[in-house]
């Protein structure tokens, strides 16, 4: 019976491990995530592994030689518990796969909170980081006008929604 197992990879070499495992005929599942990250010059949309340093591989115990994985470029070894490779439940893989698009990418950018006027929010980045304010107005899809207590008085400040949390 084929089961999914987790392969521990070398740092930032998940794609290399996937390519080499596929060349050897193994079934591989490599979920990735799309999200906004703060980079030089502002926010950028990036695609990164959903589970950094881990990929899933489909193996059949007794048929596939698990020791091949250690010499596969990009791979270190199977994740083991008590010295034994433990299969991952198929329903877990199915649940993860159901949240991916056609490119095996999960969109984590949808994490921005839905905001409403009068709602209290915390500023999590930028010059007002750590302050709690009240949403005064929704300016656009990605900007809000907050009322922040600055210098002893409530002042309106326009802030990008990426800098806010709940």
C-alpha atoms as a PDB file:
ATOM      1  CA  UNK A   1       0.000   0.000   0.000  1.00  0.00           C
ATOM      2  CA  UNK A   2       1.293   3.447  -0.928  1.00  0.00           C
ATOM      3  CA  UNK A   3       1.542   5.952   1.916  1.00  0.00           C
ATOM      4  CA  UNK A   4       2.615   9.570   2.156  1.00  0.00           C
ATOM      5  CA  UNK A   5       5.778  10.267   4.153  1.00  0.00           C
ATOM      6  CA  UNK A   6       7.549  13.516   5.012  1.00  0.00           C
ATOM      7  CA  UNK A   7      11.028  14.168   3.642  1.00  0.00           C
ATOM      8  CA  UNK A   8      13.303  16.595   5.487  1.00  0.00           C
ATOM      9  CA  UNK A   9      15.235  18.690   2.930  1.00  0.00           C
ATOM     10  CA  UNK A  10      18.317  20.845   2.934  1.00  0.00           C
ATOM     11  CA  UNK A  11      17.675  24.558   3.573  1.00  0.00           C
ATOM     12  CA  UNK A  12      15.959  26.300   0.617  1.00  0.00           C
ATOM     13  CA  UNK A  13      16.412  23.206  -1.598  1.00  0.00           C
ATOM     14  CA  UNK A  14      12.850  21.913  -1.504  1.00  0.00           C
ATOM     15  CA  UNK A  15      12.375  22.443  -5.269  1.00  0.00           C
ATOM     16  CA  UNK A  16      15.649  20.604  -6.006  1.00  0.00           C
ATOM     17  CA  UNK A  17      14.511  17.702  -3.810  1.00  0.00           C
ATOM     18  CA  UNK A  18      11.122  17.596  -5.561  1.00  0.00           C
ATOM     19  CA  UNK A  19      12.727  17.535  -9.009  1.00  0.00           C
ATOM     20  CA  UNK A  20      15.126  14.731  -8.086  1.00  0.00           C
ATOM     21  CA  UNK A  21      12.480  12.648  -6.321  1.00  0.00           C
ATOM     22  CA  UNK A  22      10.224  12.929  -9.384  1.00  0.00           C
ATOM     23  CA  UNK A  23      13.118  11.839 -11.633  1.00  0.00           C
ATOM     24  CA  UNK A  24      13.351   8.683  -9.552  1.00  0.00           C
ATOM     25  CA  UNK A  25       9.645   8.010 -10.137  1.00  0.00           C
ATOM     26  CA  UNK A  26       8.327   8.944  -6.694  1.00  0.00           C
ATOM     27  CA  UNK A  27       5.013  10.764  -6.277  1.00  0.00           C
ATOM     28  CA  UNK A  28       5.695  14.116  -4.639  1.00  0.00           C
ATOM     29  CA  UNK A  29       3.424  16.687  -3.014  1.00  0.00           C
ATOM     30  CA  UNK A  30       5.013  20.117  -2.511  1.00  0.00           C
ATOM     31  CA  UNK A  31       2.459  22.694  -1.307  1.00  0.00           C
ATOM     32  CA  UNK A  32       3.512  26.329  -1.461  1.00  0.00           C
ATOM     33  CA  UNK A  33       2.017  29.564  -0.143  1.00  0.00           C
ATOM     34  CA  UNK A  34       1.500  32.953  -1.782  1.00  0.00           C
ATOM     35  CA  UNK A  35       1.627  35.873   0.616  1.00  0.00           C
ATOM     36  CA  UNK A  36       2.644  39.490   0.915  1.00  0.00           C
ATOM     37  CA  UNK A  37       6.021  40.068   2.530  1.00  0.00           C
ATOM     38  CA  UNK A  38       7.757  43.257   3.452  1.00  0.00           C
ATOM     39  CA  UNK A  39      10.811  43.620   1.213  1.00  0.00           C
ATOM     40  CA  UNK A  40      13.021  46.507   0.208  1.00  0.00           C
ATOM     41  CA  UNK A  41      10.793  48.925  -1.651  1.00  0.00           C
ATOM     42  CA  UNK A  42       7.553  47.886   0.038  1.00  0.00           C
ATOM     43  CA  UNK A  43       5.233  44.906   0.069  1.00  0.00           C
ATOM     44  CA  UNK A  44       5.746  42.154  -2.510  1.00  0.00           C
ATOM     45  CA  UNK A  45       3.762  39.038  -3.319  1.00  0.00           C
ATOM     46  CA  UNK A  46       6.019  35.984  -2.899  1.00  0.00           C
ATOM     47  CA  UNK A  47       5.552  32.229  -3.262  1.00  0.00           C
ATOM     48  CA  UNK A  48       7.370  30.128  -0.668  1.00  0.00           C
ATOM     49  CA  UNK A  49       7.077  26.557   0.633  1.00  0.00           C
ATOM     50  CA  UNK A  50       4.051  26.095   2.875  1.00  0.00           C
ATOM     51  CA  UNK A  51       6.235  23.867   5.076  1.00  0.00           C
ATOM     52  CA  UNK A  52       9.845  25.110   4.735  1.00  0.00           C
ATOM     53  CA  UNK A  53      12.363  22.216   4.546  1.00  0.00           C
ATOM     54  CA  UNK A  54       9.642  19.572   4.148  1.00  0.00           C
ATOM     55  CA  UNK A  55       8.042  17.839   1.152  1.00  0.00           C
ATOM     56  CA  UNK A  56       5.708  14.857   1.005  1.00  0.00           C
ATOM     57  CA  UNK A  57       6.631  11.717  -0.942  1.00  0.00           C
ATOM     58  CA  UNK A  58       4.482   8.684  -1.804  1.00  0.00           C
ATOM     59  CA  UNK A  59       6.234   5.411  -0.985  1.00  0.00           C
ATOM     60  CA  UNK A  60       5.292   1.786  -0.682  1.00  0.00           C
ATOM     61  CA  UNK A  61       6.806   0.018   2.323  1.00  0.00           C
ATOM     62  CA  UNK A  62       8.632  -3.148   1.291  1.00  0.00           C
ATOM     63  CA  UNK A  63       8.799  -2.057  -2.360  1.00  0.00           C
ATOM     64  CA  UNK A  64      10.604   1.300  -2.357  1.00  0.00           C
ATOM     65  CA  UNK A  65      14.111   1.595  -0.983  1.00  0.00           C
ATOM     66  CA  UNK A  66      13.820   4.338   1.636  1.00  0.00           C
ATOM     67  CA  UNK A  67      17.624   4.622   1.886  1.00  0.00           C
ATOM     68  CA  UNK A  68      17.726   6.138  -1.641  1.00  0.00           C
ATOM     69  CA  UNK A  69      16.180   9.278  -0.192  1.00  0.00           C
ATOM     70  CA  UNK A  70      19.286  10.085   1.850  1.00  0.00           C
ATOM     71  CA  UNK A  71      21.431  10.267  -1.284  1.00  0.00           C
ATOM     72  CA  UNK A  72      18.875  12.220  -3.316  1.00  0.00           C
ATOM     73  CA  UNK A  73      20.087  15.733  -4.042  1.00  0.00           C
ATOM     74  CA  UNK A  74      18.266  18.246  -1.821  1.00  0.00           C
ATOM     75  CA  UNK A  75      17.006  15.592   0.628  1.00  0.00           C
ATOM     76  CA  UNK A  76      18.342  14.740   4.061  1.00  0.00           C
ATOM     77  CA  UNK A  77      16.085  11.841   5.142  1.00  0.00           C
ATOM     78  CA  UNK A  78      12.555  10.815   5.977  1.00  0.00           C
ATOM     79  CA  UNK A  79      11.106  12.304   9.133  1.00  0.00           C
ATOM     80  CA  UNK A  80      11.192   9.535  11.716  1.00  0.00           C
ATOM     81  CA  UNK A  81       9.693   8.976  15.149  1.00  0.00           C
ATOM     82  CA  UNK A  82      11.472   6.465  17.337  1.00  0.00           C
ATOM     83  CA  UNK A  83      13.736   5.621  14.399  1.00  0.00           C
ATOM     84  CA  UNK A  84      10.767   4.590  12.252  1.00  0.00           C
ATOM     85  CA  UNK A  85       9.371   6.483   9.253  1.00  0.00           C
ATOM     86  CA  UNK A  86       5.754   7.278  10.059  1.00  0.00           C
ATOM     87  CA  UNK A  87       3.161   7.651   7.287  1.00  0.00           C
ATOM     88  CA  UNK A  88       1.087  10.816   7.009  1.00  0.00           C
ATOM     89  CA  UNK A  89      -2.692  10.234   6.922  1.00  0.00           C
ATOM     90  CA  UNK A  90      -4.133  10.539   3.409  1.00  0.00           C
ATOM     91  CA  UNK A  91      -6.939  12.785   4.661  1.00  0.00           C
ATOM     92  CA  UNK A  92      -4.390  15.372   5.836  1.00  0.00           C
ATOM     93  CA  UNK A  93      -2.866  15.518   2.351  1.00  0.00           C
ATOM     94  CA  UNK A  94      -6.374  15.726   0.864  1.00  0.00           C
ATOM     95  CA  UNK A  95      -7.322  18.632   3.169  1.00  0.00           C
ATOM     96  CA  UNK A  96      -4.157  20.553   2.299  1.00  0.00           C
ATOM     97  CA  UNK A  97      -4.575  19.852  -1.431  1.00  0.00           C
ATOM     98  CA  UNK A  98      -8.190  21.074  -1.356  1.00  0.00           C
ATOM     99  CA  UNK A  99      -6.961  24.550  -0.383  1.00  0.00           C
ATOM    100  CA  UNK A 100      -4.430  24.844  -3.236  1.00  0.00           C
ATOM    101  CA  UNK A 101      -4.864  26.339  -6.681  1.00  0.00           C
ATOM    102  CA  UNK A 102      -3.774  24.742  -9.992  1.00  0.00           C
ATOM    103  CA  UNK A 103      -0.111  25.542  -9.274  1.00  0.00           C
ATOM    104  CA  UNK A 104      -0.187  23.834  -5.825  1.00  0.00           C
ATOM    105  CA  UNK A 105      -0.137  27.258  -4.162  1.00  0.00           C
ATOM    106  CA  UNK A 106      -2.263  28.331  -1.184  1.00  0.00           C
ATOM    107  CA  UNK A 107      -3.207  32.001  -1.115  1.00  0.00           C
ATOM    108  CA  UNK A 108      -2.326  33.287   2.362  1.00  0.00           C
ATOM    109  CA  UNK A 109      -2.728  36.900   1.267  1.00  0.00           C
ATOM    110  CA  UNK A 110      -6.432  36.625   2.111  1.00  0.00           C
ATOM    111  CA  UNK A 111      -5.476  36.973   5.776  1.00  0.00           C
ATOM    112  CA  UNK A 112      -6.129  40.722   5.833  1.00  0.00           C
ATOM    113  CA  UNK A 113      -8.917  41.356   8.336  1.00  0.00           C
ATOM    114  CA  UNK A 114     -12.285  42.565   7.105  1.00  0.00           C
ATOM    115  CA  UNK A 115     -12.555  46.036   8.565  1.00  0.00           C
ATOM    116  CA  UNK A 116     -15.597  48.096   9.490  1.00  0.00           C
ATOM    117  CA  UNK A 117     -15.995  51.665  10.654  1.00  0.00           C
ATOM    118  CA  UNK A 118     -15.800  51.935  14.438  1.00  0.00           C
ATOM    119  CA  UNK A 119     -13.793  48.701  14.785  1.00  0.00           C
ATOM    120  CA  UNK A 120     -10.737  48.747  17.058  1.00  0.00           C
ATOM    121  CA  UNK A 121      -7.512  47.548  15.415  1.00  0.00           C
ATOM    122  CA  UNK A 122      -3.871  47.316  16.411  1.00  0.00           C
ATOM    123  CA  UNK A 123      -1.109  48.769  14.234  1.00  0.00           C
ATOM    124  CA  UNK A 124       1.451  45.971  13.769  1.00  0.00           C
ATOM    125  CA  UNK A 125       4.019  47.696  11.543  1.00  0.00           C
ATOM    126  CA  UNK A 126       5.218  51.150  10.621  1.00  0.00           C
ATOM    127  CA  UNK A 127       5.811  54.288  12.697  1.00  0.00           C
ATOM    128  CA  UNK A 128       2.646  53.761  14.776  1.00  0.00           C
ATOM    129  CA  UNK A 129       3.408  50.106  15.592  1.00  0.00           C
ATOM    130  CA  UNK A 130       1.848  48.972  18.870  1.00  0.00           C
ATOM    131  CA  UNK A 131      -0.865  51.635  18.985  1.00  0.00           C
ATOM    132  CA  UNK A 132      -4.545  50.718  19.038  1.00  0.00           C
ATOM    133  CA  UNK A 133      -6.955  52.860  17.065  1.00  0.00           C
ATOM    134  CA  UNK A 134     -10.499  53.021  15.798  1.00  0.00           C
ATOM    135  CA  UNK A 135     -11.367  52.780  12.089  1.00  0.00           C
ATOM    136  CA  UNK A 136     -12.856  56.138  11.092  1.00  0.00           C
ATOM    137  CA  UNK A 137     -13.267  55.440   7.369  1.00  0.00           C
ATOM    138  CA  UNK A 138     -12.385  52.892   4.687  1.00  0.00           C
ATOM    139  CA  UNK A 139     -10.422  54.912   2.112  1.00  0.00           C
ATOM    140  CA  UNK A 140      -9.860  52.143  -0.476  1.00  0.00           C
ATOM    141  CA  UNK A 141      -9.416  48.373  -0.673  1.00  0.00           C
ATOM    142  CA  UNK A 142      -6.053  48.625   1.067  1.00  0.00           C
ATOM    143  CA  UNK A 143      -6.077  51.900   3.053  1.00  0.00           C
ATOM    144  CA  UNK A 144      -8.031  53.036   6.107  1.00  0.00           C
ATOM    145  CA  UNK A 145      -8.320  56.210   8.122  1.00  0.00           C
ATOM    146  CA  UNK A 146      -7.623  55.434  11.792  1.00  0.00           C
ATOM    147  CA  UNK A 147      -8.193  57.605  14.810  1.00  0.00           C
ATOM    148  CA  UNK A 148      -5.075  57.167  16.963  1.00  0.00           C
ATOM    149  CA  UNK A 149      -4.327  58.740  20.323  1.00  0.00           C
ATOM    150  CA  UNK A 150      -1.144  60.617  19.422  1.00  0.00           C
ATOM    151  CA  UNK A 151       0.344  63.449  21.497  1.00  0.00           C
ATOM    152  CA  UNK A 152      -2.581  63.474  23.909  1.00  0.00           C
ATOM    153  CA  UNK A 153      -5.355  63.799  21.340  1.00  0.00           C
ATOM    154  CA  UNK A 154      -7.194  61.571  18.898  1.00  0.00           C
ATOM    155  CA  UNK A 155      -5.790  62.243  15.425  1.00  0.00           C
ATOM    156  CA  UNK A 156      -6.739  60.827  11.997  1.00  0.00           C
ATOM    157  CA  UNK A 157      -3.967  58.800  10.342  1.00  0.00           C
ATOM    158  CA  UNK A 158      -4.210  57.032   6.976  1.00  0.00           C
ATOM    159  CA  UNK A 159      -2.624  53.551   7.129  1.00  0.00           C
ATOM    160  CA  UNK A 160      -2.210  50.613   4.735  1.00  0.00           C
ATOM    161  CA  UNK A 161      -4.237  47.565   5.798  1.00  0.00           C
ATOM    162  CA  UNK A 162      -1.107  45.345   5.630  1.00  0.00           C
ATOM    163  CA  UNK A 163       0.114  47.159   8.745  1.00  0.00           C
ATOM    164  CA  UNK A 164      -2.991  46.284  10.789  1.00  0.00           C
ATOM    165  CA  UNK A 165      -4.035  43.350  12.920  1.00  0.00           C
ATOM    166  CA  UNK A 166      -7.082  42.665  15.069  1.00  0.00           C
END
